[in-house]
Amino acid sequence: MASGGGYGDPSQKIDYVFKVVLIGDSAVGKSQILARFSRNEFSLDSKATIGVEFQTRTLVIEHKSVKAQIWDTAGQERYRAVTSAYYRGAVGAMLREVPTEDAKEFAQKEGLFFLETSALEATNVENAFMTVLTEIFNIVNKKNLVADENQGNGNTASLAGKKIIIPGPAQEIPAKSNMCCR
């Protein structure tokens, strides 16, 4: 499976860059999960994220070096229109704080991966990111193989994800109001 996982040697060549977004309501611990994964840090007095921040960490998966670009978006409703724009180009997402049973059921229904993590206790944080990134890596590799076989037909490999509607208030994006041109 996956090897490596150090905090990165700047001189190594990067084979892949994967963008993953963290999605969730305000104050559920998105920034803490990210701090634990990218710097192995945890702080009890963290401030709410304003807008969007991202961290990177380079990992080795199947002997290839993969740069994970993890985007942490503000959970507060008033930033929703801004943060949703940052989902573009993401190849994976990790969802908001959810009751365990609901999360299991939702993951099963949608064919998603479920793992409970704790940034405070550093439980499964590394594991969750490695699983998501390895899964993405395998999909990309399969797509590349198919693309190589179909090269004569002019097909290109692209990562087409599936749209998942998340129930509950976290995903209600306010309608854009047309302020101009009156």
N, C-alpha and C. Protein backbone atom coordinates (compact mmCIF):
# COMPACT_ATOMS: atom_id res chain seq x y z
N MET A 1 0.84 -1.20 0.00
CA MET A 1 0.00 0.00 0.00
C MET A 1 0.88 1.25 0.00
N ALA A 2 0.61 2.20 0.86
CA ALA A 2 1.32 3.48 0.84
C ALA A 2 2.57 3.40 1.69
N SER A 3 3.60 4.07 1.20
CA SER A 3 4.83 4.12 1.99
C SER A 3 5.15 5.59 2.21
N GLY A 4 6.17 5.85 2.98
CA GLY A 4 6.60 7.24 3.16
C GLY A 4 5.67 8.00 4.07
N GLY A 5 5.63 9.32 3.89
CA GLY A 5 4.76 10.13 4.72
C GLY A 5 5.55 11.11 5.54
N GLY A 6 6.82 11.35 5.15
CA GLY A 6 7.62 12.36 5.86
C GLY A 6 7.08 13.73 5.53
N TYR A 7 7.68 14.75 6.12
CA TYR A 7 7.14 16.09 5.90
C TYR A 7 7.80 16.81 4.74
N GLY A 8 8.38 16.02 3.80
CA GLY A 8 8.75 16.60 2.52
C GLY A 8 10.19 17.06 2.37
N ASP A 9 10.80 16.69 1.23
CA ASP A 9 12.13 17.14 0.86
C ASP A 9 11.92 18.06 -0.34
N PRO A 10 12.26 19.35 -0.19
CA PRO A 10 11.92 20.32 -1.25
C PRO A 10 12.56 20.02 -2.60
N SER A 11 13.65 19.21 -2.60
CA SER A 11 14.35 18.98 -3.85
C SER A 11 13.74 17.85 -4.68
N GLN A 12 12.83 17.07 -4.09
CA GLN A 12 12.33 15.92 -4.85
C GLN A 12 11.35 16.34 -5.92
N LYS A 13 11.33 15.56 -7.02
CA LYS A 13 10.40 15.92 -8.09
C LYS A 13 9.01 15.41 -7.73
N ILE A 14 8.02 16.23 -8.07
CA ILE A 14 6.64 15.89 -7.73
C ILE A 14 5.99 15.22 -8.93
N ASP A 15 5.42 14.04 -8.72
CA ASP A 15 4.75 13.33 -9.81
C ASP A 15 3.29 13.76 -9.97
N TYR A 16 2.63 14.02 -8.85
CA TYR A 16 1.21 14.38 -8.87
C TYR A 16 0.93 15.47 -7.84
N VAL A 17 -0.03 16.34 -8.16
CA VAL A 17 -0.55 17.28 -7.17
C VAL A 17 -2.05 17.02 -7.05
N PHE A 18 -2.51 16.70 -5.85
CA PHE A 18 -3.94 16.43 -5.64
C PHE A 18 -4.52 17.48 -4.71
N LYS A 19 -5.61 18.08 -5.13
CA LYS A 19 -6.29 19.07 -4.29
C LYS A 19 -7.48 18.40 -3.59
N VAL A 20 -7.49 18.50 -2.27
CA VAL A 20 -8.57 17.92 -1.47
C VAL A 20 -9.16 19.04 -0.62
N VAL A 21 -10.49 19.12 -0.53
CA VAL A 21 -11.11 20.15 0.30
C VAL A 21 -11.72 19.55 1.56
N LEU A 22 -11.65 20.32 2.64
CA LEU A 22 -12.29 19.94 3.89
C LEU A 22 -13.59 20.72 3.98
N ILE A 23 -14.69 20.01 4.18
CA ILE A 23 -16.00 20.66 4.19
C ILE A 23 -16.67 20.41 5.53
N GLY A 24 -17.23 21.45 6.11
CA GLY A 24 -17.94 21.27 7.38
C GLY A 24 -18.39 22.59 7.95
N ASP A 25 -19.28 22.50 8.93
CA ASP A 25 -19.78 23.70 9.59
C ASP A 25 -18.67 24.37 10.38
N SER A 26 -18.96 25.56 10.85
CA SER A 26 -18.00 26.32 11.66
C SER A 26 -17.69 25.57 12.95
N ALA A 27 -16.43 25.64 13.38
CA ALA A 27 -15.99 25.11 14.68
C ALA A 27 -16.12 23.60 14.87
N VAL A 28 -16.06 22.83 13.77
CA VAL A 28 -16.09 21.37 13.94
C VAL A 28 -14.68 20.77 13.94
N GLY A 29 -13.66 21.61 13.66
CA GLY A 29 -12.27 21.12 13.76
C GLY A 29 -11.57 20.88 12.44
N LYS A 30 -12.03 21.50 11.35
CA LYS A 30 -11.38 21.31 10.04
C LYS A 30 -9.92 21.77 10.09
N SER A 31 -9.69 22.95 10.68
CA SER A 31 -8.32 23.49 10.73
C SER A 31 -7.42 22.62 11.60
N GLN A 32 -7.99 22.02 12.65
CA GLN A 32 -7.21 21.16 13.54
C GLN A 32 -6.78 19.87 12.84
N ILE A 33 -7.71 19.32 12.07
CA ILE A 33 -7.40 18.10 11.30
C ILE A 33 -6.26 18.40 10.33
N LEU A 34 -6.35 19.58 9.69
CA LEU A 34 -5.33 19.97 8.72
C LEU A 34 -3.98 20.22 9.40
N ALA A 35 -4.00 20.90 10.55
CA ALA A 35 -2.75 21.18 11.27
C ALA A 35 -2.10 19.86 11.72
N ARG A 36 -2.93 18.91 12.14
CA ARG A 36 -2.42 17.61 12.58
C ARG A 36 -1.79 16.86 11.41
N PHE A 37 -2.42 16.93 10.25
CA PHE A 37 -1.90 16.22 9.08
C PHE A 37 -0.66 16.89 8.49
N SER A 38 -0.70 18.23 8.35
CA SER A 38 0.39 18.90 7.65
C SER A 38 1.61 19.18 8.53
N ARG A 39 1.38 19.48 9.82
CA ARG A 39 2.52 19.83 10.69
C ARG A 39 2.59 19.01 11.97
N ASN A 40 1.66 18.06 12.12
CA ASN A 40 1.53 17.27 13.35
C ASN A 40 1.39 18.17 14.58
N GLU A 41 0.53 19.19 14.45
CA GLU A 41 0.28 20.13 15.55
C GLU A 41 -1.19 20.11 15.93
N PHE A 42 -1.46 20.53 17.18
CA PHE A 42 -2.84 20.70 17.63
C PHE A 42 -2.83 21.84 18.62
N SER A 43 -3.77 22.79 18.46
CA SER A 43 -3.83 23.85 19.46
C SER A 43 -5.27 24.04 19.91
N LEU A 44 -5.45 24.20 21.21
CA LEU A 44 -6.80 24.30 21.76
C LEU A 44 -7.45 25.64 21.46
N ASP A 45 -6.63 26.69 21.30
CA ASP A 45 -7.23 28.01 21.09
C ASP A 45 -7.06 28.48 19.65
N SER A 46 -7.73 27.79 18.72
CA SER A 46 -7.58 28.21 17.33
C SER A 46 -8.74 29.15 16.96
N LYS A 47 -8.43 30.08 16.06
CA LYS A 47 -9.44 31.05 15.64
C LYS A 47 -10.19 30.51 14.43
N ALA A 48 -11.39 31.03 14.19
CA ALA A 48 -12.19 30.61 13.03
C ALA A 48 -11.45 30.99 11.75
N THR A 49 -11.51 30.09 10.78
CA THR A 49 -10.88 30.36 9.48
C THR A 49 -11.69 31.42 8.75
N ILE A 50 -10.98 32.40 8.19
CA ILE A 50 -11.65 33.44 7.41
C ILE A 50 -11.36 33.13 5.94
N GLY A 51 -12.41 32.94 5.17
CA GLY A 51 -12.21 32.61 3.75
C GLY A 51 -11.64 31.23 3.58
N VAL A 52 -10.45 31.15 2.98
CA VAL A 52 -9.87 29.85 2.63
C VAL A 52 -8.38 29.83 2.91
N GLU A 53 -7.88 28.72 3.44
CA GLU A 53 -6.44 28.55 3.63
C GLU A 53 -6.08 27.17 3.10
N PHE A 54 -4.82 27.00 2.68
CA PHE A 54 -4.45 25.63 2.33
C PHE A 54 -3.04 25.30 2.82
N GLN A 55 -2.80 24.02 3.02
CA GLN A 55 -1.50 23.51 3.44
C GLN A 55 -1.11 22.42 2.46
N THR A 56 0.20 22.23 2.31
CA THR A 56 0.63 21.13 1.45
C THR A 56 1.53 20.19 2.23
N ARG A 57 1.52 18.95 1.78
CA ARG A 57 2.44 17.97 2.34
C ARG A 57 2.73 16.96 1.25
N THR A 58 3.99 16.60 1.09
CA THR A 58 4.36 15.65 0.04
C THR A 58 4.51 14.26 0.63
N LEU A 59 3.86 13.30 -0.02
CA LEU A 59 3.87 11.91 0.45
C LEU A 59 4.35 11.01 -0.68
N VAL A 60 4.77 9.82 -0.32
CA VAL A 60 5.14 8.84 -1.34
C VAL A 60 4.06 7.76 -1.37
N ILE A 61 3.45 7.60 -2.53
CA ILE A 61 2.43 6.56 -2.72
C ILE A 61 2.86 5.72 -3.91
N GLU A 62 2.99 4.42 -3.70
CA GLU A 62 3.43 3.50 -4.77
C GLU A 62 4.68 4.03 -5.49
N HIS A 63 5.65 4.46 -4.73
CA HIS A 63 6.94 4.97 -5.25
C HIS A 63 6.84 6.25 -6.09
N LYS A 64 5.71 6.90 -6.03
CA LYS A 64 5.57 8.19 -6.72
C LYS A 64 5.43 9.27 -5.67
N SER A 65 5.94 10.47 -5.96
CA SER A 65 5.78 11.51 -4.95
C SER A 65 4.53 12.33 -5.27
N VAL A 66 3.67 12.42 -4.26
CA VAL A 66 2.37 13.07 -4.40
C VAL A 66 2.31 14.27 -3.47
N LYS A 67 2.05 15.44 -4.05
CA LYS A 67 1.89 16.63 -3.23
C LYS A 67 0.41 16.79 -2.94
N ALA A 68 0.06 16.70 -1.66
CA ALA A 68 -1.34 16.89 -1.26
C ALA A 68 -1.54 18.36 -0.95
N GLN A 69 -2.51 18.95 -1.60
CA GLN A 69 -2.84 20.36 -1.37
C GLN A 69 -4.20 20.33 -0.67
N ILE A 70 -4.20 20.54 0.64
CA ILE A 70 -5.44 20.40 1.40
C ILE A 70 -6.01 21.79 1.70
N TRP A 71 -7.22 22.02 1.21
CA TRP A 71 -7.87 23.32 1.36
C TRP A 71 -8.85 23.30 2.52
N ASP A 72 -8.67 24.25 3.40
CA ASP A 72 -9.51 24.39 4.59
C ASP A 72 -10.42 25.58 4.36
N THR A 73 -11.71 25.36 4.28
CA THR A 73 -12.64 26.45 3.98
C THR A 73 -13.37 26.91 5.23
N ALA A 74 -13.72 28.18 5.25
CA ALA A 74 -14.47 28.72 6.40
C ALA A 74 -15.82 28.02 6.48
N GLY A 75 -16.20 27.63 7.69
CA GLY A 75 -17.48 26.94 7.86
C GLY A 75 -18.65 27.89 8.00
N GLN A 76 -18.34 29.17 8.30
CA GLN A 76 -19.44 30.10 8.56
C GLN A 76 -20.26 30.39 7.31
N GLU A 77 -21.56 30.45 7.52
CA GLU A 77 -22.53 30.63 6.43
C GLU A 77 -22.20 31.83 5.55
N ARG A 78 -21.74 32.93 6.17
CA ARG A 78 -21.55 34.15 5.37
C ARG A 78 -20.42 34.03 4.35
N TYR A 79 -19.55 33.01 4.52
CA TYR A 79 -18.47 32.82 3.54
C TYR A 79 -18.83 31.80 2.46
N ARG A 80 -20.04 31.22 2.56
CA ARG A 80 -20.39 30.08 1.70
C ARG A 80 -20.18 30.36 0.20
N ALA A 81 -20.60 31.54 -0.26
CA ALA A 81 -20.48 31.85 -1.69
C ALA A 81 -19.01 31.89 -2.11
N VAL A 82 -18.15 32.37 -1.23
CA VAL A 82 -16.72 32.46 -1.52
C VAL A 82 -16.11 31.07 -1.53
N THR A 83 -16.38 30.30 -0.47
CA THR A 83 -15.69 29.01 -0.32
C THR A 83 -16.10 28.00 -1.37
N SER A 84 -17.34 28.05 -1.83
CA SER A 84 -17.77 27.05 -2.81
C SER A 84 -16.96 27.15 -4.11
N ALA A 85 -16.47 28.33 -4.41
CA ALA A 85 -15.66 28.52 -5.62
C ALA A 85 -14.35 27.73 -5.54
N TYR A 86 -13.87 27.51 -4.33
CA TYR A 86 -12.60 26.81 -4.15
C TYR A 86 -12.71 25.30 -4.30
N TYR A 87 -13.94 24.79 -4.43
CA TYR A 87 -14.11 23.35 -4.63
C TYR A 87 -13.68 22.94 -6.04
N ARG A 88 -13.66 23.91 -6.96
CA ARG A 88 -13.27 23.60 -8.34
C ARG A 88 -11.86 23.04 -8.40
N GLY A 89 -11.72 21.98 -9.18
CA GLY A 89 -10.39 21.39 -9.35
C GLY A 89 -10.01 20.43 -8.24
N ALA A 90 -10.88 20.28 -7.26
CA ALA A 90 -10.57 19.34 -6.18
C ALA A 90 -10.85 17.92 -6.66
N VAL A 91 -10.01 16.98 -6.26
CA VAL A 91 -10.20 15.58 -6.67
C VAL A 91 -10.75 14.74 -5.52
N GLY A 92 -10.90 15.38 -4.34
CA GLY A 92 -11.46 14.67 -3.21
C GLY A 92 -11.96 15.65 -2.17
N ALA A 93 -12.83 15.16 -1.28
CA ALA A 93 -13.35 16.01 -0.21
C ALA A 93 -13.52 15.18 1.05
N MET A 94 -13.30 15.83 2.19
CA MET A 94 -13.56 15.19 3.48
C MET A 94 -14.64 16.00 4.17
N LEU A 95 -15.71 15.34 4.66
CA LEU A 95 -16.91 16.02 5.16
C LEU A 95 -16.88 16.30 6.67
N ARG A 96 -17.86 17.18 6.88
CA ARG A 96 -18.14 17.79 8.17
C ARG A 96 -18.50 16.82 9.26
N GLU A 97 -18.38 17.36 10.50
CA GLU A 97 -18.74 16.60 11.70
C GLU A 97 -20.16 16.06 11.54
N VAL A 98 -20.31 14.75 11.68
CA VAL A 98 -21.60 14.08 11.47
C VAL A 98 -21.76 13.03 12.56
N PRO A 99 -23.00 12.79 13.07
CA PRO A 99 -23.18 11.68 14.02
C PRO A 99 -22.74 10.37 13.37
N THR A 100 -22.04 9.53 14.12
CA THR A 100 -21.43 8.31 13.58
C THR A 100 -22.38 7.47 12.75
N GLU A 101 -23.56 7.19 13.28
CA GLU A 101 -24.50 6.32 12.56
C GLU A 101 -24.93 6.94 11.22
N ASP A 102 -25.22 8.26 11.26
CA ASP A 102 -25.62 8.96 10.02
C ASP A 102 -24.49 8.88 8.99
N ALA A 103 -23.28 9.10 9.47
CA ALA A 103 -22.12 9.10 8.57
C ALA A 103 -21.93 7.73 7.93
N LYS A 104 -22.03 6.69 8.75
CA LYS A 104 -21.87 5.32 8.23
C LYS A 104 -22.91 5.02 7.16
N GLU A 105 -24.15 5.38 7.48
CA GLU A 105 -25.27 5.12 6.57
C GLU A 105 -25.09 5.89 5.26
N PHE A 106 -24.72 7.17 5.40
CA PHE A 106 -24.52 8.04 4.23
C PHE A 106 -23.39 7.51 3.35
N ALA A 107 -22.28 7.11 4.00
CA ALA A 107 -21.12 6.60 3.26
C ALA A 107 -21.48 5.32 2.50
N GLN A 108 -22.24 4.47 3.16
CA GLN A 108 -22.65 3.20 2.54
C GLN A 108 -23.53 3.46 1.31
N LYS A 109 -24.49 4.36 1.49
CA LYS A 109 -25.45 4.67 0.43
C LYS A 109 -24.75 5.29 -0.78
N GLU A 110 -23.78 6.15 -0.53
CA GLU A 110 -23.11 6.87 -1.62
C GLU A 110 -21.84 6.17 -2.11
N GLY A 111 -21.50 5.05 -1.47
CA GLY A 111 -20.27 4.34 -1.85
C GLY A 111 -19.03 5.13 -1.48
N LEU A 112 -19.06 5.77 -0.30
CA LEU A 112 -17.93 6.58 0.15
C LEU A 112 -17.15 5.86 1.24
N PHE A 113 -15.98 6.38 1.53
CA PHE A 113 -15.12 5.82 2.56
C PHE A 113 -15.42 6.49 3.89
N PHE A 114 -15.60 5.70 4.95
CA PHE A 114 -15.92 6.26 6.26
C PHE A 114 -14.83 5.89 7.27
N LEU A 115 -14.36 6.90 7.99
CA LEU A 115 -13.36 6.67 9.04
C LEU A 115 -13.51 7.78 10.07
N GLU A 116 -13.56 7.42 11.34
CA GLU A 116 -13.66 8.45 12.38
C GLU A 116 -12.27 8.89 12.78
N THR A 117 -12.10 10.21 12.88
CA THR A 117 -10.79 10.75 13.23
C THR A 117 -10.88 11.64 14.46
N SER A 118 -9.74 11.85 15.11
CA SER A 118 -9.65 12.82 16.19
C SER A 118 -8.32 13.56 16.06
N ALA A 119 -8.42 14.87 15.81
CA ALA A 119 -7.19 15.68 15.70
C ALA A 119 -6.54 15.79 17.07
N LEU A 120 -7.37 15.87 18.11
CA LEU A 120 -6.87 16.00 19.48
C LEU A 120 -6.01 14.80 19.86
N GLU A 121 -6.53 13.60 19.63
CA GLU A 121 -5.79 12.39 20.00
C GLU A 121 -4.93 11.86 18.86
N ALA A 122 -4.93 12.56 17.73
CA ALA A 122 -4.19 12.14 16.54
C ALA A 122 -4.61 10.75 16.07
N THR A 123 -5.89 10.42 16.23
CA THR A 123 -6.40 9.12 15.82
C THR A 123 -6.87 9.16 14.38
N ASN A 124 -6.33 8.28 13.55
CA ASN A 124 -6.80 8.08 12.17
C ASN A 124 -6.66 9.29 11.25
N VAL A 125 -5.98 10.35 11.68
CA VAL A 125 -5.87 11.53 10.81
C VAL A 125 -5.00 11.18 9.61
N GLU A 126 -3.80 10.68 9.90
CA GLU A 126 -2.87 10.25 8.84
C GLU A 126 -3.55 9.21 7.95
N ASN A 127 -4.17 8.25 8.62
CA ASN A 127 -4.85 7.14 7.94
C ASN A 127 -5.93 7.64 6.97
N ALA A 128 -6.73 8.60 7.44
CA ALA A 128 -7.82 9.14 6.61
C ALA A 128 -7.28 9.81 5.36
N PHE A 129 -6.27 10.67 5.53
CA PHE A 129 -5.70 11.37 4.38
C PHE A 129 -5.01 10.39 3.43
N MET A 130 -4.25 9.43 4.01
CA MET A 130 -3.54 8.47 3.17
C MET A 130 -4.52 7.63 2.36
N THR A 131 -5.64 7.25 2.98
CA THR A 131 -6.63 6.43 2.28
C THR A 131 -7.25 7.22 1.14
N VAL A 132 -7.63 8.46 1.42
CA VAL A 132 -8.25 9.30 0.39
C VAL A 132 -7.25 9.53 -0.76
N LEU A 133 -6.02 9.88 -0.41
CA LEU A 133 -5.02 10.18 -1.44
C LEU A 133 -4.62 8.94 -2.24
N THR A 134 -4.54 7.79 -1.57
CA THR A 134 -4.20 6.54 -2.27
C THR A 134 -5.32 6.16 -3.24
N GLU A 135 -6.56 6.35 -2.77
CA GLU A 135 -7.74 6.07 -3.60
C GLU A 135 -7.71 6.94 -4.86
N ILE A 136 -7.43 8.24 -4.68
CA ILE A 136 -7.35 9.17 -5.81
C ILE A 136 -6.22 8.74 -6.75
N PHE A 137 -5.07 8.40 -6.15
CA PHE A 137 -3.89 7.95 -6.92
C PHE A 137 -4.25 6.76 -7.81
N ASN A 138 -4.96 5.78 -7.23
CA ASN A 138 -5.34 4.58 -7.99
C ASN A 138 -6.28 4.91 -9.14
N ILE A 139 -7.22 5.84 -8.89
CA ILE A 139 -8.16 6.25 -9.94
C ILE A 139 -7.41 6.95 -11.07
N VAL A 140 -6.49 7.85 -10.71
CA VAL A 140 -5.71 8.58 -11.71
C VAL A 140 -4.87 7.62 -12.53
N ASN A 141 -4.23 6.66 -11.87
CA ASN A 141 -3.40 5.69 -12.58
C ASN A 141 -4.21 4.85 -13.56
N LYS A 142 -5.41 4.44 -13.12
CA LYS A 142 -6.29 3.66 -14.01
C LYS A 142 -6.67 4.50 -15.22
N LYS A 143 -7.01 5.78 -14.96
CA LYS A 143 -7.39 6.69 -16.06
C LYS A 143 -6.23 6.87 -17.04
N ASN A 144 -5.01 6.98 -16.48
CA ASN A 144 -3.84 7.18 -17.34
C ASN A 144 -3.59 5.96 -18.22
N LEU A 145 -3.79 4.76 -17.65
CA LEU A 145 -3.61 3.54 -18.42
C LEU A 145 -4.61 3.49 -19.57
N VAL A 146 -5.86 3.80 -19.26
CA VAL A 146 -6.92 3.81 -20.28
C VAL A 146 -6.58 4.86 -21.35
N ALA A 147 -6.09 6.02 -20.90
CA ALA A 147 -5.75 7.10 -21.85
C ALA A 147 -4.63 6.64 -22.78
N ASP A 148 -3.62 5.94 -22.23
CA ASP A 148 -2.51 5.47 -23.06
C ASP A 148 -3.01 4.50 -24.13
N GLU A 149 -3.92 3.61 -23.71
CA GLU A 149 -4.47 2.62 -24.67
C GLU A 149 -5.29 3.31 -25.75
N ASN A 150 -5.96 4.39 -25.39
CA ASN A 150 -6.86 5.07 -26.34
C ASN A 150 -6.20 6.24 -27.05
N GLN A 151 -4.87 6.35 -26.92
CA GLN A 151 -4.23 7.56 -27.42
C GLN A 151 -4.54 7.81 -28.90
N GLY A 152 -4.63 6.73 -29.66
CA GLY A 152 -4.94 6.86 -31.08
C GLY A 152 -6.29 7.52 -31.33
N ASN A 153 -7.22 7.37 -30.40
CA ASN A 153 -8.57 7.93 -30.59
C ASN A 153 -8.68 9.37 -30.08
N GLY A 154 -7.58 9.92 -29.60
CA GLY A 154 -7.59 11.31 -29.13
C GLY A 154 -8.31 11.50 -27.80
N ASN A 155 -8.47 10.43 -27.03
CA ASN A 155 -9.11 10.58 -25.71
C ASN A 155 -8.10 11.08 -24.69
N THR A 156 -8.53 11.91 -23.76
CA THR A 156 -7.63 12.34 -22.70
C THR A 156 -8.21 11.90 -21.36
N ALA A 157 -7.31 11.64 -20.44
CA ALA A 157 -7.77 11.20 -19.11
C ALA A 157 -8.25 12.41 -18.33
N SER A 158 -9.42 12.30 -17.75
CA SER A 158 -9.86 13.37 -16.86
C SER A 158 -10.51 12.74 -15.64
N LEU A 159 -10.45 13.46 -14.54
CA LEU A 159 -11.04 12.95 -13.31
C LEU A 159 -12.47 13.45 -13.21
N ALA A 160 -13.42 12.61 -13.57
CA ALA A 160 -14.81 13.03 -13.44
C ALA A 160 -15.33 12.48 -12.12
N GLY A 161 -15.67 13.37 -11.22
CA GLY A 161 -16.18 12.93 -9.93
C GLY A 161 -17.67 12.75 -10.00
N LYS A 162 -18.27 12.36 -8.86
CA LYS A 162 -19.73 12.31 -8.86
C LYS A 162 -20.24 13.37 -7.91
N LYS A 163 -21.39 13.92 -8.25
CA LYS A 163 -21.96 14.97 -7.42
C LYS A 163 -22.68 14.33 -6.24
N ILE A 164 -22.34 14.78 -5.06
CA ILE A 164 -22.97 14.23 -3.86
C ILE A 164 -23.70 15.35 -3.16
N ILE A 165 -24.98 15.16 -2.94
CA ILE A 165 -25.76 16.17 -2.22
C ILE A 165 -25.73 15.82 -0.75
N ILE A 166 -25.18 16.71 0.04
CA ILE A 166 -25.07 16.47 1.48
C ILE A 166 -26.30 17.05 2.16
N PRO A 167 -27.04 16.21 2.87
CA PRO A 167 -28.23 16.73 3.54
C PRO A 167 -27.86 17.68 4.68
N GLY A 168 -28.75 18.58 5.02
CA GLY A 168 -28.51 19.44 6.18
C GLY A 168 -28.06 20.82 5.81
N PRO A 169 -27.93 21.69 6.82
CA PRO A 169 -27.69 23.12 6.58
C PRO A 169 -26.33 23.44 6.00
N ALA A 170 -25.35 22.55 6.14
CA ALA A 170 -23.99 22.91 5.73
C ALA A 170 -23.86 23.20 4.25
N GLN A 171 -24.77 22.68 3.44
CA GLN A 171 -24.59 22.85 2.02
C GLN A 171 -25.52 23.87 1.37
N GLU A 172 -26.29 24.58 2.16
CA GLU A 172 -27.20 25.55 1.55
C GLU A 172 -26.43 26.78 1.11
N ILE A 173 -26.16 26.85 -0.18
CA ILE A 173 -25.41 27.99 -0.73
C ILE A 173 -26.42 29.08 -1.07
N PRO A 174 -26.25 30.28 -0.50
CA PRO A 174 -27.24 31.33 -0.76
C PRO A 174 -27.26 31.72 -2.23
N ALA A 175 -28.44 32.01 -2.73
CA ALA A 175 -28.57 32.42 -4.13
C ALA A 175 -27.86 33.76 -4.31
N LYS A 176 -27.17 33.90 -5.44
CA LYS A 176 -26.49 35.17 -5.70
C LYS A 176 -27.54 36.23 -6.00
N SER A 177 -27.39 37.38 -5.37
CA SER A 177 -28.35 38.45 -5.66
C SER A 177 -27.71 39.38 -6.70
N ASN A 178 -28.49 39.76 -7.69
CA ASN A 178 -27.97 40.64 -8.73
C ASN A 178 -28.05 42.09 -8.28
N MET A 179 -26.90 42.61 -7.84
CA MET A 179 -26.88 43.98 -7.33
C MET A 179 -26.62 44.98 -8.45
N CYS A 180 -25.95 44.54 -9.50
CA CYS A 180 -25.56 45.50 -10.53
C CYS A 180 -26.67 45.70 -11.56
N CYS A 181 -26.42 46.55 -12.49
CA CYS A 181 -27.25 46.73 -13.69
C CYS A 181 -28.70 47.08 -13.41
N ARG A 182 -29.00 47.80 -12.33
CA ARG A 182 -30.42 48.15 -12.08
C ARG A 182 -30.74 49.46 -12.74
